[in-house]
């Protein structure tokens, strides 16, 4: 499960949705990084769908925050939607909640 790929799909208009894998951890961070790197500048709005996320660690959240920060620096929008309590707790514990407000 750690090596699950993120599913990338184009939604209405100029929106890309990335359905995150069940585990966002250091073990799968290179595959997730590769998926996100391909779309970092490709559209104005990227929606990260966290509905499948069951396990998350610091490295995984740092990767998502870096992606959102890089896009924000270019005035591009990144939304983290369908967050579980586990994801919200981890974001709050690491002080990363503001990266996805």
PDB file of N, CA and C in Angstrom:
ATOM      1  N   UNK A   1       0.814  -1.193   0.000  1.00  0.00           N
ATOM      2  CA  UNK A   1       0.000   0.000   0.000  1.00  0.00           C
ATOM      3  C   UNK A   1       0.861   1.262   0.000  1.00  0.00           C
ATOM      4  N   UNK A   2       2.075   1.205   0.505  1.00  0.00           N
ATOM      5  CA  UNK A   2       2.925   2.386   0.594  1.00  0.00           C
ATOM      6  C   UNK A   2       3.325   2.928  -0.772  1.00  0.00           C
ATOM      7  N   UNK A   3       3.309   2.078  -1.781  1.00  0.00           N
ATOM      8  CA  UNK A   3       3.729   2.512  -3.102  1.00  0.00           C
ATOM      9  C   UNK A   3       2.567   2.825  -4.031  1.00  0.00           C
ATOM     10  N   UNK A   4       1.370   2.997  -3.472  1.00  0.00           N
ATOM     11  CA  UNK A   4       0.232   3.377  -4.289  1.00  0.00           C
ATOM     12  C   UNK A   4       0.526   4.680  -5.012  1.00  0.00           C
ATOM     13  N   UNK A   5       0.057   4.767  -6.223  1.00  0.00           N
ATOM     14  CA  UNK A   5       0.227   6.007  -6.970  1.00  0.00           C
ATOM     15  C   UNK A   5      -0.946   6.938  -6.701  1.00  0.00           C
ATOM     16  N   UNK A   6      -0.699   8.210  -6.805  1.00  0.00           N
ATOM     17  CA  UNK A   6      -1.767   9.192  -6.725  1.00  0.00           C
ATOM     18  C   UNK A   6      -2.486   9.203  -8.070  1.00  0.00           C
ATOM     19  N   UNK A   7      -3.803   9.250  -8.020  1.00  0.00           N
ATOM     20  CA  UNK A   7      -4.590   9.295  -9.254  1.00  0.00           C
ATOM     21  C   UNK A   7      -4.831  10.746  -9.638  1.00  0.00           C
ATOM     22  N   UNK A   8      -4.449  11.114 -10.844  1.00  0.00           N
ATOM     23  CA  UNK A   8      -4.580  12.486 -11.325  1.00  0.00           C
ATOM     24  C   UNK A   8      -5.647  12.519 -12.409  1.00  0.00           C
ATOM     25  N   UNK A   9      -6.627  13.424 -12.247  1.00  0.00           N
ATOM     26  CA  UNK A   9      -7.669  13.554 -13.257  1.00  0.00           C
ATOM     27  C   UNK A   9      -8.056  15.011 -13.443  1.00  0.00           C
ATOM     28  N   UNK A  10      -8.452  15.337 -14.649  1.00  0.00           N
ATOM     29  CA  UNK A  10      -8.896  16.691 -14.959  1.00  0.00           C
ATOM     30  C   UNK A  10     -10.386  16.784 -14.651  1.00  0.00           C
ATOM     31  N   UNK A  11     -10.762  17.818 -13.911  1.00  0.00           N
ATOM     32  CA  UNK A  11     -12.161  18.065 -13.589  1.00  0.00           C
ATOM     33  C   UNK A  11     -12.679  19.176 -14.486  1.00  0.00           C
ATOM     34  N   UNK A  12     -13.828  19.702 -14.147  1.00  0.00           N
ATOM     35  CA  UNK A  12     -14.430  20.815 -14.884  1.00  0.00           C
ATOM     36  C   UNK A  12     -13.477  21.992 -15.002  1.00  0.00           C
ATOM     37  N   UNK A  13     -13.523  22.641 -16.134  1.00  0.00           N
ATOM     38  CA  UNK A  13     -12.707  23.844 -16.325  1.00  0.00           C
ATOM     39  C   UNK A  13     -11.233  23.521 -16.286  1.00  0.00           C
ATOM     40  N   UNK A  14     -10.509  24.334 -15.539  1.00  0.00           N
ATOM     41  CA  UNK A  14      -9.058  24.213 -15.456  1.00  0.00           C
ATOM     42  C   UNK A  14      -8.636  23.664 -14.098  1.00  0.00           C
ATOM     43  N   UNK A  15      -9.351  22.656 -13.613  1.00  0.00           N
ATOM     44  CA  UNK A  15      -9.093  22.080 -12.290  1.00  0.00           C
ATOM     45  C   UNK A  15      -8.562  20.662 -12.452  1.00  0.00           C
ATOM     46  N   UNK A  16      -7.488  20.372 -11.737  1.00  0.00           N
ATOM     47  CA  UNK A  16      -6.950  19.020 -11.685  1.00  0.00           C
ATOM     48  C   UNK A  16      -7.144  18.501 -10.272  1.00  0.00           C
ATOM     49  N   UNK A  17      -7.661  17.275 -10.163  1.00  0.00           N
ATOM     50  CA  UNK A  17      -7.802  16.632  -8.859  1.00  0.00           C
ATOM     51  C   UNK A  17      -6.778  15.519  -8.737  1.00  0.00           C
ATOM     52  N   UNK A  18      -6.111  15.504  -7.601  1.00  0.00           N
ATOM     53  CA  UNK A  18      -5.169  14.438  -7.281  1.00  0.00           C
ATOM     54  C   UNK A  18      -5.762  13.669  -6.111  1.00  0.00           C
ATOM     55  N   UNK A  19      -6.154  12.433  -6.350  1.00  0.00           N
ATOM     56  CA  UNK A  19      -6.644  11.586  -5.265  1.00  0.00           C
ATOM     57  C   UNK A  19      -5.425  10.931  -4.630  1.00  0.00           C
ATOM     58  N   UNK A  20      -5.174  11.329  -3.403  1.00  0.00           N
ATOM     59  CA  UNK A  20      -3.980  10.875  -2.697  1.00  0.00           C
ATOM     60  C   UNK A  20      -4.110   9.401  -2.315  1.00  0.00           C
ATOM     61  N   UNK A  21      -2.972   8.706  -2.213  1.00  0.00           N
ATOM     62  CA  UNK A  21      -3.001   7.292  -1.837  1.00  0.00           C
ATOM     63  C   UNK A  21      -3.372   7.108  -0.361  1.00  0.00           C
ATOM     64  N   UNK A  22      -3.616   5.878   0.036  1.00  0.00           N
ATOM     65  CA  UNK A  22      -4.005   5.563   1.409  1.00  0.00           C
ATOM     66  C   UNK A  22      -2.937   5.871   2.431  1.00  0.00           C
ATOM     67  N   UNK A  23      -1.689   5.847   2.011  1.00  0.00           N
ATOM     68  CA  UNK A  23      -0.583   6.162   2.912  1.00  0.00           C
ATOM     69  C   UNK A  23       0.259   7.273   2.309  1.00  0.00           C
ATOM     70  N   UNK A  24       0.396   8.338   3.069  1.00  0.00           N
ATOM     71  CA  UNK A  24       1.283   9.431   2.659  1.00  0.00           C
ATOM     72  C   UNK A  24       2.419   9.431   3.671  1.00  0.00           C
ATOM     73  N   UNK A  25       3.413   8.639   3.359  1.00  0.00           N
ATOM     74  CA  UNK A  25       4.528   8.438   4.282  1.00  0.00           C
ATOM     75  C   UNK A  25       5.851   8.522   3.526  1.00  0.00           C
ATOM     76  N   UNK A  26       6.916   8.522   4.281  1.00  0.00           N
ATOM     77  CA  UNK A  26       8.238   8.590   3.676  1.00  0.00           C
ATOM     78  C   UNK A  26       8.464   7.419   2.712  1.00  0.00           C
ATOM     79  N   UNK A  27       7.851   6.279   3.001  1.00  0.00           N
ATOM     80  CA  UNK A  27       8.034   5.100   2.146  1.00  0.00           C
ATOM     81  C   UNK A  27       7.518   5.323   0.732  1.00  0.00           C
ATOM     82  N   UNK A  28       6.466   6.108   0.582  1.00  0.00           N
ATOM     83  CA  UNK A  28       5.914   6.347  -0.742  1.00  0.00           C
ATOM     84  C   UNK A  28       6.112   7.750  -1.247  1.00  0.00           C
ATOM     85  N   UNK A  29       6.958   8.508  -0.566  1.00  0.00           N
ATOM     86  CA  UNK A  29       7.082   9.928  -0.911  1.00  0.00           C
ATOM     87  C   UNK A  29       7.691  10.175  -2.289  1.00  0.00           C
ATOM     88  N   UNK A  30       8.573   9.313  -2.752  1.00  0.00           N
ATOM     89  CA  UNK A  30       9.178   9.574  -4.068  1.00  0.00           C
ATOM     90  C   UNK A  30       8.144   9.420  -5.186  1.00  0.00           C
ATOM     91  N   UNK A  31       7.262   8.435  -5.079  1.00  0.00           N
ATOM     92  CA  UNK A  31       6.221   8.255  -6.098  1.00  0.00           C
ATOM     93  C   UNK A  31       5.244   9.429  -6.075  1.00  0.00           C
ATOM     94  N   UNK A  32       4.847   9.869  -4.875  1.00  0.00           N
ATOM     95  CA  UNK A  32       3.941  11.004  -4.763  1.00  0.00           C
ATOM     96  C   UNK A  32       4.613  12.281  -5.259  1.00  0.00           C
ATOM     97  N   UNK A  33       5.878  12.464  -4.907  1.00  0.00           N
ATOM     98  CA  UNK A  33       6.627  13.643  -5.368  1.00  0.00           C
ATOM     99  C   UNK A  33       6.663  13.691  -6.891  1.00  0.00           C
ATOM    100  N   UNK A  34       6.889  12.541  -7.511  1.00  0.00           N
ATOM    101  CA  UNK A  34       6.938  12.479  -8.975  1.00  0.00           C
ATOM    102  C   UNK A  34       5.587  12.886  -9.577  1.00  0.00           C
ATOM    103  N   UNK A  35       4.497  12.379  -9.013  1.00  0.00           N
ATOM    104  CA  UNK A  35       3.158  12.728  -9.513  1.00  0.00           C
ATOM    105  C   UNK A  35       2.883  14.219  -9.373  1.00  0.00           C
ATOM    106  N   UNK A  36       3.214  14.773  -8.218  1.00  0.00           N
ATOM    107  CA  UNK A  36       2.950  16.199  -7.975  1.00  0.00           C
ATOM    108  C   UNK A  36       3.865  17.089  -8.815  1.00  0.00           C
ATOM    109  N   UNK A  37       5.092  16.667  -9.018  1.00  0.00           N
ATOM    110  CA  UNK A  37       6.038  17.466  -9.814  1.00  0.00           C
ATOM    111  C   UNK A  37       5.551  17.653 -11.245  1.00  0.00           C
ATOM    112  N   UNK A  38       4.864  16.657 -11.770  1.00  0.00           N
ATOM    113  CA  UNK A  38       4.372  16.733 -13.143  1.00  0.00           C
ATOM    114  C   UNK A  38       3.279  17.780 -13.317  1.00  0.00           C
ATOM    115  N   UNK A  39       2.593  18.129 -12.235  1.00  0.00           N
ATOM    116  CA  UNK A  39       1.453  19.046 -12.363  1.00  0.00           C
ATOM    117  C   UNK A  39       1.628  20.352 -11.611  1.00  0.00           C
ATOM    118  N   UNK A  40       2.780  20.603 -11.021  1.00  0.00           N
ATOM    119  CA  UNK A  40       2.950  21.759 -10.149  1.00  0.00           C
ATOM    120  C   UNK A  40       2.579  23.076 -10.830  1.00  0.00           C
ATOM    121  N   UNK A  41       2.870  23.212 -12.107  1.00  0.00           N
ATOM    122  CA  UNK A  41       2.580  24.461 -12.819  1.00  0.00           C
ATOM    123  C   UNK A  41       1.546  24.282 -13.926  1.00  0.00           C
ATOM    124  N   UNK A  42       0.869  23.148 -13.964  1.00  0.00           N
ATOM    125  CA  UNK A  42       0.037  22.829 -15.115  1.00  0.00           C
ATOM    126  C   UNK A  42      -1.343  23.465 -15.125  1.00  0.00           C
ATOM    127  N   UNK A  43      -1.822  23.976 -14.016  1.00  0.00           N
ATOM    128  CA  UNK A  43      -3.177  24.514 -13.956  1.00  0.00           C
ATOM    129  C   UNK A  43      -3.297  25.510 -12.809  1.00  0.00           C
ATOM    130  N   UNK A  44      -4.321  26.352 -12.870  1.00  0.00           N
ATOM    131  CA  UNK A  44      -4.520  27.349 -11.818  1.00  0.00           C
ATOM    132  C   UNK A  44      -4.980  26.739 -10.505  1.00  0.00           C
ATOM    133  N   UNK A  45      -5.768  25.650 -10.571  1.00  0.00           N
ATOM    134  CA  UNK A  45      -6.330  25.053  -9.361  1.00  0.00           C
ATOM    135  C   UNK A  45      -6.035  23.554  -9.321  1.00  0.00           C
ATOM    136  N   UNK A  46      -5.446  23.118  -8.207  1.00  0.00           N
ATOM    137  CA  UNK A  46      -5.247  21.695  -7.948  1.00  0.00           C
ATOM    138  C   UNK A  46      -5.974  21.366  -6.652  1.00  0.00           C
ATOM    139  N   UNK A  47      -6.808  20.333  -6.718  1.00  0.00           N
ATOM    140  CA  UNK A  47      -7.515  19.836  -5.547  1.00  0.00           C
ATOM    141  C   UNK A  47      -6.847  18.523  -5.134  1.00  0.00           C
ATOM    142  N   UNK A  48      -6.349  18.493  -3.903  1.00  0.00           N
ATOM    143  CA  UNK A  48      -5.792  17.270  -3.343  1.00  0.00           C
ATOM    144  C   UNK A  48      -6.909  16.593  -2.557  1.00  0.00           C
ATOM    145  N   UNK A  49      -7.361  15.442  -3.012  1.00  0.00           N
ATOM    146  CA  UNK A  49      -8.446  14.701  -2.378  1.00  0.00           C
ATOM    147  C   UNK A  49      -7.836  13.708  -1.395  1.00  0.00           C
ATOM    148  N   UNK A  50      -8.040  13.955  -0.100  1.00  0.00           N
ATOM    149  CA  UNK A  50      -7.434  13.125   0.938  1.00  0.00           C
ATOM    150  C   UNK A  50      -8.393  12.071   1.488  1.00  0.00           C
ATOM    151  N   UNK A  51      -9.464  11.772   0.758  1.00  0.00           N
ATOM    152  CA  UNK A  51     -10.483  10.842   1.265  1.00  0.00           C
ATOM    153  C   UNK A  51      -9.955   9.425   1.493  1.00  0.00           C
ATOM    154  N   UNK A  52      -8.918   9.019   0.780  1.00  0.00           N
ATOM    155  CA  UNK A  52      -8.359   7.674   0.941  1.00  0.00           C
ATOM    156  C   UNK A  52      -7.260   7.588   1.993  1.00  0.00           C
ATOM    157  N   UNK A  53      -6.810   8.705   2.505  1.00  0.00           N
ATOM    158  CA  UNK A  53      -5.642   8.724   3.392  1.00  0.00           C
ATOM    159  C   UNK A  53      -5.990   8.119   4.758  1.00  0.00           C
ATOM    160  N   UNK A  54      -5.299   7.022   5.075  1.00  0.00           N
ATOM    161  CA  UNK A  54      -5.476   6.351   6.358  1.00  0.00           C
ATOM    162  C   UNK A  54      -4.249   6.489   7.246  1.00  0.00           C
ATOM    163  N   UNK A  55      -3.105   6.720   6.616  1.00  0.00           N
ATOM    164  CA  UNK A  55      -1.859   6.842   7.368  1.00  0.00           C
ATOM    165  C   UNK A  55      -1.056   7.996   6.780  1.00  0.00           C
ATOM    166  N   UNK A  56      -0.519   8.823   7.673  1.00  0.00           N
ATOM    167  CA  UNK A  56       0.246   9.982   7.222  1.00  0.00           C
ATOM    168  C   UNK A  56       1.382  10.217   8.207  1.00  0.00           C
ATOM    169  N   UNK A  57       2.525  10.639   7.688  1.00  0.00           N
ATOM    170  CA  UNK A  57       3.635  10.977   8.582  1.00  0.00           C
ATOM    171  C   UNK A  57       4.177  12.358   8.227  1.00  0.00           C
ATOM    172  N   UNK A  58       5.156  12.786   8.982  1.00  0.00           N
ATOM    173  CA  UNK A  58       5.722  14.122   8.812  1.00  0.00           C
ATOM    174  C   UNK A  58       6.259  14.345   7.402  1.00  0.00           C
ATOM    175  N   UNK A  59       6.991  13.380   6.879  1.00  0.00           N
ATOM    176  CA  UNK A  59       7.569  13.531   5.540  1.00  0.00           C
ATOM    177  C   UNK A  59       6.476  13.685   4.486  1.00  0.00           C
ATOM    178  N   UNK A  60       5.406  12.929   4.610  1.00  0.00           N
ATOM    179  CA  UNK A  60       4.308  13.032   3.654  1.00  0.00           C
ATOM    180  C   UNK A  60       3.636  14.393   3.693  1.00  0.00           C
ATOM    181  N   UNK A  61       3.390  14.894   4.898  1.00  0.00           N
ATOM    182  CA  UNK A  61       2.760  16.213   5.012  1.00  0.00           C
ATOM    183  C   UNK A  61       3.688  17.326   4.563  1.00  0.00           C
ATOM    184  N   UNK A  62       4.972  17.184   4.833  1.00  0.00           N
ATOM    185  CA  UNK A  62       5.927  18.183   4.365  1.00  0.00           C
ATOM    186  C   UNK A  62       5.949  18.237   2.842  1.00  0.00           C
ATOM    187  N   UNK A  63       5.828  17.096   2.203  1.00  0.00           N
ATOM    188  CA  UNK A  63       5.786  17.052   0.740  1.00  0.00           C
ATOM    189  C   UNK A  63       4.563  17.802   0.223  1.00  0.00           C
ATOM    190  N   UNK A  64       3.395  17.557   0.820  1.00  0.00           N
ATOM    191  CA  UNK A  64       2.178  18.252   0.399  1.00  0.00           C
ATOM    192  C   UNK A  64       2.284  19.750   0.657  1.00  0.00           C
ATOM    193  N   UNK A  65       2.839  20.117   1.812  1.00  0.00           N
ATOM    194  CA  UNK A  65       2.982  21.543   2.146  1.00  0.00           C
ATOM    195  C   UNK A  65       3.959  22.234   1.192  1.00  0.00           C
ATOM    196  N   UNK A  66       5.040  21.566   0.835  1.00  0.00           N
ATOM    197  CA  UNK A  66       6.010  22.148  -0.106  1.00  0.00           C
ATOM    198  C   UNK A  66       5.370  22.349  -1.477  1.00  0.00           C
ATOM    199  N   UNK A  67       4.565  21.374  -1.907  1.00  0.00           N
ATOM    200  CA  UNK A  67       3.847  21.485  -3.174  1.00  0.00           C
ATOM    201  C   UNK A  67       2.908  22.690  -3.139  1.00  0.00           C
ATOM    202  N   UNK A  68       2.130  22.807  -2.071  1.00  0.00           N
ATOM    203  CA  UNK A  68       1.190  23.934  -1.943  1.00  0.00           C
ATOM    204  C   UNK A  68       1.933  25.261  -1.878  1.00  0.00           C
ATOM    205  N   UNK A  69       3.050  25.294  -1.168  1.00  0.00           N
ATOM    206  CA  UNK A  69       3.833  26.529  -1.036  1.00  0.00           C
ATOM    207  C   UNK A  69       4.426  26.951  -2.383  1.00  0.00           C
ATOM    208  N   UNK A  70       4.969  25.997  -3.114  1.00  0.00           N
ATOM    209  CA  UNK A  70       5.539  26.311  -4.432  1.00  0.00           C
ATOM    210  C   UNK A  70       4.467  26.880  -5.357  1.00  0.00           C
ATOM    211  N   UNK A  71       3.278  26.300  -5.320  1.00  0.00           N
ATOM    212  CA  UNK A  71       2.183  26.794  -6.150  1.00  0.00           C
ATOM    213  C   UNK A  71       1.715  28.165  -5.676  1.00  0.00           C
ATOM    214  N   UNK A  72       1.653  28.371  -4.371  1.00  0.00           N
ATOM    215  CA  UNK A  72       1.222  29.654  -3.815  1.00  0.00           C
ATOM    216  C   UNK A  72       2.178  30.771  -4.226  1.00  0.00           C
ATOM    217  N   UNK A  73       3.464  30.471  -4.261  1.00  0.00           N
ATOM    218  CA  UNK A  73       4.457  31.464  -4.699  1.00  0.00           C
ATOM    219  C   UNK A  73       4.214  31.927  -6.125  1.00  0.00           C
ATOM    220  N   UNK A  74       3.501  31.110  -6.900  1.00  0.00           N
ATOM    221  CA  UNK A  74       3.185  31.448  -8.291  1.00  0.00           C
ATOM    222  C   UNK A  74       1.726  31.890  -8.434  1.00  0.00           C
ATOM    223  N   UNK A  75       1.106  32.210  -7.300  1.00  0.00           N
ATOM    224  CA  UNK A  75      -0.307  32.627  -7.250  1.00  0.00           C
ATOM    225  C   UNK A  75      -1.259  31.573  -7.799  1.00  0.00           C
ATOM    226  N   UNK A  76      -0.914  30.312  -7.593  1.00  0.00           N
ATOM    227  CA  UNK A  76      -1.759  29.198  -7.998  1.00  0.00           C
ATOM    228  C   UNK A  76      -2.436  28.616  -6.758  1.00  0.00           C
ATOM    229  N   UNK A  77      -3.612  28.051  -6.927  1.00  0.00           N
ATOM    230  CA  UNK A  77      -4.430  27.580  -5.816  1.00  0.00           C
ATOM    231  C   UNK A  77      -4.263  26.078  -5.620  1.00  0.00           C
ATOM    232  N   UNK A  78      -4.080  25.681  -4.365  1.00  0.00           N
ATOM    233  CA  UNK A  78      -4.046  24.273  -3.993  1.00  0.00           C
ATOM    234  C   UNK A  78      -4.993  24.086  -2.817  1.00  0.00           C
ATOM    235  N   UNK A  79      -5.943  23.179  -2.977  1.00  0.00           N
ATOM    236  CA  UNK A  79      -6.903  22.893  -1.912  1.00  0.00           C
ATOM    237  C   UNK A  79      -6.728  21.452  -1.459  1.00  0.00           C
ATOM    238  N   UNK A  80      -6.798  21.243  -0.146  1.00  0.00           N
ATOM    239  CA  UNK A  80      -6.763  19.893   0.423  1.00  0.00           C
ATOM    240  C   UNK A  80      -8.164  19.598   0.939  1.00  0.00           C
ATOM    241  N   UNK A  81      -8.862  18.708   0.256  1.00  0.00           N
ATOM    242  CA  UNK A  81     -10.267  18.429   0.566  1.00  0.00           C
ATOM    243  C   UNK A  81     -10.452  17.017   1.112  1.00  0.00           C
ATOM    244  N   UNK A  82     -11.595  16.832   1.749  1.00  0.00           N
ATOM    245  CA  UNK A  82     -12.002  15.522   2.279  1.00  0.00           C
ATOM    246  C   UNK A  82     -10.975  14.979   3.263  1.00  0.00           C
ATOM    247  N   UNK A  83     -10.558  15.851   4.164  1.00  0.00           N
ATOM    248  CA  UNK A  83      -9.546  15.481   5.161  1.00  0.00           C
ATOM    249  C   UNK A  83     -10.180  14.694   6.307  1.00  0.00           C
ATOM    250  N   UNK A  84      -9.533  13.619   6.673  1.00  0.00           N
ATOM    251  CA  UNK A  84      -9.977  12.845   7.826  1.00  0.00           C
ATOM    252  C   UNK A  84      -9.506  13.548   9.103  1.00  0.00           C
ATOM    253  N   UNK A  85     -10.037  13.106  10.238  1.00  0.00           N
ATOM    254  CA  UNK A  85      -9.577  13.638  11.521  1.00  0.00           C
ATOM    255  C   UNK A  85      -8.082  13.392  11.700  1.00  0.00           C
ATOM    256  N   UNK A  86      -7.617  12.253  11.203  1.00  0.00           N
ATOM    257  CA  UNK A  86      -6.189  11.904  11.317  1.00  0.00           C
ATOM    258  C   UNK A  86      -5.324  12.918  10.557  1.00  0.00           C
ATOM    259  N   UNK A  87      -5.753  13.269   9.357  1.00  0.00           N
ATOM    260  CA  UNK A  87      -5.005  14.244   8.558  1.00  0.00           C
ATOM    261  C   UNK A  87      -5.059  15.618   9.229  1.00  0.00           C
ATOM    262  N   UNK A  88      -6.233  16.035   9.669  1.00  0.00           N
ATOM    263  CA  UNK A  88      -6.359  17.329  10.345  1.00  0.00           C
ATOM    264  C   UNK A  88      -5.517  17.393  11.605  1.00  0.00           C
ATOM    265  N   UNK A  89      -5.510  16.322  12.390  1.00  0.00           N
ATOM    266  CA  UNK A  89      -4.704  16.283  13.622  1.00  0.00           C
ATOM    267  C   UNK A  89      -3.217  16.391  13.309  1.00  0.00           C
ATOM    268  N   UNK A  90      -2.780  15.660  12.283  1.00  0.00           N
ATOM    269  CA  UNK A  90      -1.360  15.702  11.909  1.00  0.00           C
ATOM    270  C   UNK A  90      -0.969  17.085  11.413  1.00  0.00           C
ATOM    271  N   UNK A  91      -1.828  17.716  10.619  1.00  0.00           N
ATOM    272  CA  UNK A  91      -1.550  19.071  10.139  1.00  0.00           C
ATOM    273  C   UNK A  91      -1.431  20.042  11.313  1.00  0.00           C
ATOM    274  N   UNK A  92      -2.344  19.937  12.259  1.00  0.00           N
ATOM    275  CA  UNK A  92      -2.334  20.836  13.413  1.00  0.00           C
ATOM    276  C   UNK A  92      -1.087  20.596  14.278  1.00  0.00           C
ATOM    277  N   UNK A  93      -0.758  19.335  14.503  1.00  0.00           N
ATOM    278  CA  UNK A  93       0.386  18.993  15.341  1.00  0.00           C
ATOM    279  C   UNK A  93       1.691  19.535  14.752  1.00  0.00           C
ATOM    280  N   UNK A  94       1.772  19.542  13.429  1.00  0.00           N
ATOM    281  CA  UNK A  94       2.991  20.005  12.760  1.00  0.00           C
ATOM    282  C   UNK A  94       2.957  21.482  12.398  1.00  0.00           C
ATOM    283  N   UNK A  95       1.850  22.148  12.742  1.00  0.00           N
ATOM    284  CA  UNK A  95       1.731  23.578  12.429  1.00  0.00           C
ATOM    285  C   UNK A  95       1.560  23.854  10.947  1.00  0.00           C
ATOM    286  N   UNK A  96       0.977  22.904  10.222  1.00  0.00           N
ATOM    287  CA  UNK A  96       0.827  23.047   8.775  1.00  0.00           C
ATOM    288  C   UNK A  96      -0.606  23.341   8.340  1.00  0.00           C
ATOM    289  N   UNK A  97      -1.505  23.515   9.281  1.00  0.00           N
ATOM    290  CA  UNK A  97      -2.907  23.759   8.937  1.00  0.00           C
ATOM    291  C   UNK A  97      -3.071  24.971   8.028  1.00  0.00           C
ATOM    292  N   UNK A  98      -2.314  26.016   8.286  1.00  0.00           N
ATOM    293  CA  UNK A  98      -2.426  27.258   7.501  1.00  0.00           C
ATOM    294  C   UNK A  98      -2.024  27.053   6.036  1.00  0.00           C
ATOM    295  N   UNK A  99      -1.228  26.051   5.766  1.00  0.00           N
ATOM    296  CA  UNK A  99      -0.806  25.792   4.389  1.00  0.00           C
ATOM    297  C   UNK A  99      -1.971  25.345   3.526  1.00  0.00           C
ATOM    298  N   UNK A 100      -3.043  24.889   4.160  1.00  0.00           N
ATOM    299  CA  UNK A 100      -4.200  24.376   3.432  1.00  0.00           C
ATOM    300  C   UNK A 100      -5.513  24.973   3.905  1.00  0.00           C
ATOM    301  N   UNK A 101      -5.488  26.233   4.313  1.00  0.00           N
ATOM    302  CA  UNK A 101      -6.722  26.852   4.806  1.00  0.00           C
ATOM    303  C   UNK A 101      -7.559  27.395   3.673  1.00  0.00           C
TER     304      UNK A 101
END
